[in-house]
Amino acid sequence: MSLKTGGRGRSGLARLGPLPWIAPAVVLILFVVLWPVYEMVHTSFLRISTSGFVRGSAGFDKYTKLFDEPDFYQVLGWTVVWTTAVVALTMVLSLALAQLFNQNFPGRRLTRWALIAPWAASVLMTSIGFKWMLDRTAGVLNTVMVDLGLIDAPKDWLGDPSTAKPWMVLIAVFVSLPFTTYTLLAGLQTVPAEVYEAAKVDGTSTWQTYRLITLPLLRPALLVGLVINLINVFNSFPVIWGTTQGGPDSATATTTVFAFQLMNTDIGESAAMSVVNFGLIVVMVLAFLKVSRWNEES
């Protein structure tokens, strides 16, 4: 009888499948991801004072106010340009670095360790370090360029949007390179050496080998790097806040920073901006996965 009972217990667990194992992760997602999303959406429909007291329902007024903001569409446009530029440059440079680090050369281990440095350091700390370097009065960049006669007088690199934006892209690429490079390097190291030997026997050129063999086999790693970079860069806060805080006004702000700026004047409108931002990143990632056919075999 005990054997039968034990059999029933095991069959009951078997019917649950992997649920007992993934249940903790599901609970974690519910409380860490879905609950904040619910609170964010709920807050966007409330009228809240700057001191945090709820004054009643606001309906869709906060969304209407958000879309009427004079800086909203400029911020949205810059966010698209920012994300595209940073992700594209990161992927191209990381692909080149991964290819380099996949070769044997003197000092390879040292250069690999050196690449980890921007990843190991705090992104905000790195951004502040660049801000000091670009400072108009005490920045090392202005000092060196003036001494070399490259510029006549110190420049306010982060005070002018036309110069601040390229520097922000450069900093974002700098902190994004390590993860993406190592992701692609891991993908390159899974490519069997026999494949390259067969291609060499067939007389395939280096470019043909790279285009017809390396890139297709690297596709899973490329997709991982692209999707994670899209999410990280689109939602990036430390780089922008650590350098310009989105200023002057909102000239260098992305949607994430703009939502933080709005929080100082209207918490409900800030929540509405966060909801729009969340919706945009979900649509963008789903569209990318659809176009790239990530779940289909090549």
Protein backbone atom coordinates (compact mmCIF):
# COMPACT_ATOMS: atom_id res chain seq x y z
CA MET A 1 0.00 0.00 0.00
CA SER A 2 2.85 2.37 0.78
CA LEU A 3 4.36 1.55 -2.59
CA LYS A 4 1.12 2.55 -4.29
CA THR A 5 0.95 5.77 -2.31
CA GLY A 6 4.55 6.57 -3.22
CA GLY A 7 3.78 5.86 -6.86
CA ARG A 8 0.80 8.20 -6.76
CA GLY A 9 2.99 10.94 -5.21
CA ARG A 10 5.58 10.56 -7.90
CA SER A 11 2.99 10.56 -10.68
CA GLY A 12 1.41 13.66 -9.15
CA LEU A 13 4.74 15.48 -9.25
CA ALA A 14 5.32 14.22 -12.78
CA ARG A 15 2.01 15.76 -13.89
CA LEU A 16 3.23 19.13 -12.59
CA GLY A 17 6.19 18.87 -14.96
CA PRO A 18 8.83 21.57 -14.44
CA LEU A 19 6.46 23.83 -12.45
CA PRO A 20 7.97 23.06 -9.01
CA TRP A 21 11.40 24.02 -10.35
CA ILE A 22 10.41 27.23 -12.10
CA ALA A 23 7.91 28.37 -9.45
CA PRO A 24 10.47 30.45 -7.48
CA ALA A 25 11.52 32.25 -10.68
CA VAL A 26 7.85 32.87 -11.60
CA VAL A 27 7.16 34.31 -8.13
CA LEU A 28 10.26 36.49 -8.39
CA ILE A 29 9.14 37.81 -11.79
CA LEU A 30 5.65 38.56 -10.42
CA PHE A 31 6.99 40.66 -7.56
CA VAL A 32 10.06 42.21 -9.17
CA VAL A 33 8.73 42.88 -12.69
CA LEU A 34 4.96 42.62 -13.01
CA TRP A 35 4.04 44.29 -9.73
CA PRO A 36 6.12 47.43 -10.44
CA VAL A 37 4.62 47.56 -13.94
CA TYR A 38 1.13 47.42 -12.45
CA GLU A 39 1.98 50.18 -9.97
CA MET A 40 3.49 52.28 -12.76
CA VAL A 41 0.36 51.99 -14.91
CA HIS A 42 -1.91 52.60 -11.91
CA THR A 43 0.03 55.72 -10.88
CA SER A 44 -0.23 57.18 -14.39
CA PHE A 45 -4.01 57.47 -13.89
CA LEU A 46 -3.76 59.27 -10.56
CA ARG A 47 -3.46 62.92 -9.57
CA ILE A 48 -0.56 63.01 -7.10
CA SER A 49 0.96 66.02 -5.41
CA THR A 50 4.72 66.59 -5.51
CA SER A 51 4.81 65.58 -1.84
CA GLY A 52 3.35 62.17 -2.75
CA PHE A 53 -0.29 62.51 -1.64
CA VAL A 54 -2.97 61.03 -3.94
CA ARG A 55 -5.57 63.66 -4.85
CA GLY A 56 -7.88 61.39 -6.83
CA SER A 57 -8.19 59.95 -10.30
CA ALA A 58 -6.80 61.82 -13.29
CA GLY A 59 -8.13 59.57 -16.07
CA PHE A 60 -6.10 60.05 -19.24
CA ASP A 61 -5.21 63.65 -18.36
CA LYS A 62 -1.59 62.78 -17.60
CA TYR A 63 -1.14 61.16 -21.01
CA THR A 64 -2.73 64.16 -22.71
CA LYS A 65 -0.44 66.48 -20.78
CA LEU A 66 2.58 64.32 -21.68
CA PHE A 67 1.84 64.33 -25.41
CA ASP A 68 1.36 68.11 -25.28
CA GLU A 69 4.80 68.66 -23.74
CA PRO A 70 6.89 70.78 -26.15
CA ASP A 71 9.98 68.58 -25.60
CA PHE A 72 8.22 65.20 -25.86
CA TYR A 73 8.72 64.49 -29.57
CA GLN A 74 12.24 65.91 -29.57
CA VAL A 75 13.10 63.56 -26.69
CA LEU A 76 11.47 60.65 -28.51
CA GLY A 77 13.45 61.37 -31.68
CA TRP A 78 16.75 61.65 -29.84
CA THR A 79 16.03 58.38 -28.02
CA VAL A 80 15.66 56.58 -31.35
CA VAL A 81 18.86 58.14 -32.72
CA TRP A 82 20.72 57.44 -29.46
CA THR A 83 19.65 53.78 -29.35
CA THR A 84 20.39 53.15 -33.02
CA ALA A 85 23.81 54.82 -32.95
CA VAL A 86 25.02 53.18 -29.72
CA VAL A 87 23.78 49.68 -30.58
CA ALA A 88 25.10 49.79 -34.16
CA LEU A 89 28.56 51.03 -33.14
CA THR A 90 28.72 48.59 -30.22
CA MET A 91 27.87 45.60 -32.39
CA VAL A 92 30.33 46.49 -35.15
CA LEU A 93 33.23 47.23 -32.78
CA SER A 94 32.45 44.20 -30.59
CA LEU A 95 32.41 41.93 -33.64
CA ALA A 96 35.85 43.21 -34.64
CA LEU A 97 37.22 42.88 -31.09
CA ALA A 98 35.78 39.39 -30.68
CA GLN A 99 37.41 38.35 -33.94
CA LEU A 100 40.72 39.81 -32.73
CA PHE A 101 40.54 38.14 -29.29
CA ASN A 102 39.74 34.82 -30.95
CA GLN A 103 43.22 34.84 -32.51
CA ASN A 104 46.47 33.87 -30.81
CA PHE A 105 48.81 36.84 -30.29
CA PRO A 106 51.24 38.01 -27.58
CA GLY A 107 49.45 39.74 -24.71
CA ARG A 108 46.02 38.37 -25.58
CA ARG A 109 45.21 37.49 -21.97
CA LEU A 110 46.21 40.98 -20.79
CA THR A 111 44.06 42.73 -23.41
CA ARG A 112 41.11 40.51 -22.55
CA TRP A 113 41.42 41.48 -18.90
CA ALA A 114 41.77 45.16 -19.85
CA LEU A 115 38.48 45.01 -21.73
CA ILE A 116 36.68 43.90 -18.57
CA ALA A 117 37.58 47.16 -16.76
CA PRO A 118 34.71 49.30 -18.14
CA TRP A 119 32.32 46.45 -17.34
CA ALA A 120 33.61 45.98 -13.79
CA ALA A 121 33.38 49.68 -12.96
CA SER A 122 30.10 51.39 -12.15
CA VAL A 123 28.53 52.94 -15.25
CA LEU A 124 27.70 56.08 -13.28
CA MET A 125 31.27 56.30 -12.00
CA THR A 126 32.60 55.95 -15.54
CA SER A 127 30.22 58.65 -16.77
CA ILE A 128 31.27 61.03 -14.01
CA GLY A 129 34.91 60.32 -14.85
CA PHE A 130 34.28 61.34 -18.47
CA LYS A 131 32.41 64.41 -17.22
CA TRP A 132 35.48 65.50 -15.26
CA MET A 133 37.69 64.83 -18.28
CA LEU A 134 35.43 67.02 -20.45
CA ASP A 135 35.05 69.81 -17.89
CA ARG A 136 35.42 73.26 -19.38
CA THR A 137 37.76 74.71 -16.75
CA ALA A 138 39.64 71.76 -15.26
CA GLY A 139 39.12 69.00 -17.83
CA VAL A 140 42.19 67.22 -19.13
CA LEU A 141 40.86 67.18 -22.70
CA ASN A 142 40.67 70.97 -22.94
CA THR A 143 44.07 71.33 -21.27
CA VAL A 144 45.76 68.97 -23.73
CA MET A 145 44.01 70.38 -26.82
CA VAL A 146 44.82 73.99 -25.87
CA ASP A 147 48.46 73.12 -25.14
CA LEU A 148 48.74 71.36 -28.52
CA GLY A 149 47.14 74.31 -30.28
CA LEU A 150 44.21 72.22 -31.54
CA ILE A 151 41.69 74.70 -30.10
CA ASP A 152 42.07 78.38 -29.22
CA ALA A 153 40.09 78.28 -25.98
CA PRO A 154 38.51 75.65 -23.70
CA LYS A 155 35.15 74.30 -24.92
CA ASP A 156 32.08 73.39 -22.94
CA TRP A 157 31.80 69.92 -24.49
CA LEU A 158 28.80 68.82 -22.42
CA GLY A 159 27.07 72.21 -22.29
CA ASP A 160 26.35 72.29 -26.02
CA PRO A 161 24.01 69.54 -27.30
CA SER A 162 25.85 69.38 -30.64
CA THR A 163 29.03 68.23 -28.90
CA ALA A 164 27.45 66.57 -25.86
CA LYS A 165 25.47 64.03 -27.89
CA PRO A 166 28.46 62.48 -29.73
CA TRP A 167 30.36 62.23 -26.44
CA MET A 168 27.38 60.54 -24.77
CA VAL A 169 27.22 58.00 -27.61
CA LEU A 170 30.96 57.37 -27.24
CA ILE A 171 30.66 56.80 -23.47
CA ALA A 172 27.69 54.46 -23.93
CA VAL A 173 29.60 52.43 -26.52
CA PHE A 174 32.63 52.32 -24.20
CA VAL A 175 30.63 50.77 -21.34
CA SER A 176 28.67 48.44 -23.67
CA LEU A 177 31.67 46.92 -25.46
CA PRO A 178 32.83 44.39 -22.82
CA PHE A 179 29.60 42.42 -22.47
CA THR A 180 28.88 42.38 -26.20
CA THR A 181 32.45 41.47 -27.13
CA TYR A 182 32.56 38.54 -24.71
CA THR A 183 29.14 37.36 -25.88
CA LEU A 184 30.33 37.28 -29.49
CA LEU A 185 33.68 35.79 -28.48
CA ALA A 186 31.86 32.94 -26.76
CA GLY A 187 29.89 32.40 -29.96
CA LEU A 188 33.05 32.35 -32.09
CA GLN A 189 34.68 29.77 -29.85
CA THR A 190 31.78 27.37 -30.41
CA VAL A 191 32.45 27.23 -34.16
CA PRO A 192 34.17 23.88 -34.89
CA ALA A 193 37.67 24.17 -36.33
CA GLU A 194 36.81 21.34 -38.78
CA VAL A 195 34.37 23.66 -40.57
CA TYR A 196 37.13 26.15 -41.33
CA GLU A 197 39.48 23.36 -42.42
CA ALA A 198 36.85 22.04 -44.83
CA ALA A 199 36.29 25.53 -46.23
CA LYS A 200 40.04 25.95 -46.73
CA VAL A 201 40.23 22.65 -48.61
CA ASP A 202 37.37 23.78 -50.85
CA GLY A 203 39.34 26.92 -51.72
CA THR A 204 36.95 29.36 -50.04
CA SER A 205 38.37 32.85 -49.59
CA THR A 206 38.67 34.49 -46.16
CA TRP A 207 35.76 36.84 -46.81
CA GLN A 208 33.56 34.03 -48.14
CA THR A 209 34.39 31.89 -45.11
CA TYR A 210 33.47 34.75 -42.79
CA ARG A 211 30.25 35.60 -44.62
CA LEU A 212 29.02 32.07 -45.35
CA ILE A 213 30.26 30.20 -42.26
CA THR A 214 31.21 32.47 -39.36
CA LEU A 215 28.31 34.92 -39.43
CA PRO A 216 25.54 32.29 -39.81
CA LEU A 217 26.99 30.19 -36.99
CA LEU A 218 27.38 33.35 -34.89
CA ARG A 219 23.71 34.30 -35.35
CA PRO A 220 22.49 33.17 -31.87
CA ALA A 221 25.22 35.19 -30.12
CA LEU A 222 24.53 38.19 -32.36
CA LEU A 223 20.82 38.07 -31.49
CA VAL A 224 21.57 37.89 -27.76
CA GLY A 225 23.93 40.85 -27.99
CA LEU A 226 21.51 42.90 -30.09
CA VAL A 227 18.43 42.31 -27.94
CA ILE A 228 20.20 42.95 -24.62
CA ASN A 229 21.88 46.07 -26.01
CA LEU A 230 18.57 47.38 -27.35
CA ILE A 231 16.97 47.03 -23.93
CA ASN A 232 19.95 48.40 -21.98
CA VAL A 233 20.66 51.37 -24.24
CA PHE A 234 17.02 52.36 -24.69
CA ASN A 235 16.58 52.37 -20.90
CA SER A 236 20.03 53.79 -20.17
CA PHE A 237 20.03 56.32 -17.32
CA PRO A 238 23.51 56.55 -15.69
CA VAL A 239 25.39 57.65 -18.83
CA ILE A 240 23.10 60.58 -19.55
CA TRP A 241 22.45 61.57 -15.96
CA GLY A 242 26.12 61.32 -15.03
CA THR A 243 27.22 63.62 -17.88
CA THR A 244 24.50 66.17 -18.71
CA GLN A 245 21.46 65.21 -16.58
CA GLY A 246 19.53 65.53 -19.84
CA GLY A 247 20.31 69.23 -20.18
CA PRO A 248 20.42 71.91 -21.18
CA ASP A 249 16.68 71.67 -20.41
CA SER A 250 15.81 68.33 -22.08
CA ALA A 251 18.02 68.68 -25.16
CA THR A 252 20.06 65.55 -24.42
CA ALA A 253 17.42 63.62 -22.45
CA THR A 254 16.10 60.24 -23.56
CA THR A 255 12.66 59.00 -22.55
CA THR A 256 14.03 57.42 -19.34
CA VAL A 257 15.75 60.63 -18.22
CA PHE A 258 12.76 62.72 -19.33
CA ALA A 259 10.50 60.64 -17.07
CA PHE A 260 12.83 61.38 -14.15
CA GLN A 261 12.81 65.10 -14.98
CA LEU A 262 9.00 65.13 -15.05
CA MET A 263 8.87 63.54 -11.60
CA ASN A 264 9.99 66.83 -10.06
CA THR A 265 6.83 68.56 -11.28
CA ASP A 266 4.20 65.85 -11.84
CA ILE A 267 4.52 62.29 -10.56
CA GLY A 268 1.51 61.08 -12.57
CA GLU A 269 2.91 62.49 -15.82
CA SER A 270 6.27 60.91 -15.02
CA ALA A 271 4.52 57.54 -14.58
CA ALA A 272 2.73 58.06 -17.91
CA MET A 273 6.11 58.64 -19.58
CA SER A 274 7.39 55.43 -17.97
CA VAL A 275 4.39 53.51 -19.33
CA VAL A 276 5.02 54.87 -22.83
CA ASN A 277 8.71 53.99 -22.48
CA PHE A 278 7.87 50.45 -21.36
CA GLY A 279 5.46 49.99 -24.26
CA LEU A 280 8.02 51.25 -26.78
CA ILE A 281 10.74 48.86 -25.63
CA VAL A 282 8.35 45.88 -25.70
CA VAL A 283 7.16 46.74 -29.22
CA MET A 284 10.72 47.36 -30.40
CA VAL A 285 12.06 44.05 -29.09
CA LEU A 286 9.08 42.04 -30.38
CA ALA A 287 9.39 43.67 -33.81
CA PHE A 288 13.10 42.92 -33.91
CA LEU A 289 12.59 39.29 -32.92
CA LYS A 290 9.87 38.94 -35.54
CA VAL A 291 12.01 40.41 -38.29
CA SER A 292 15.10 38.42 -37.27
CA ARG A 293 13.06 35.15 -36.99
CA TRP A 294 15.01 34.31 -33.84
CA ASN A 295 13.22 30.97 -33.25
CA GLU A 296 13.79 29.59 -36.75
CA GLU A 297 16.75 27.54 -37.80
CA SER A 298 18.97 28.97 -40.53
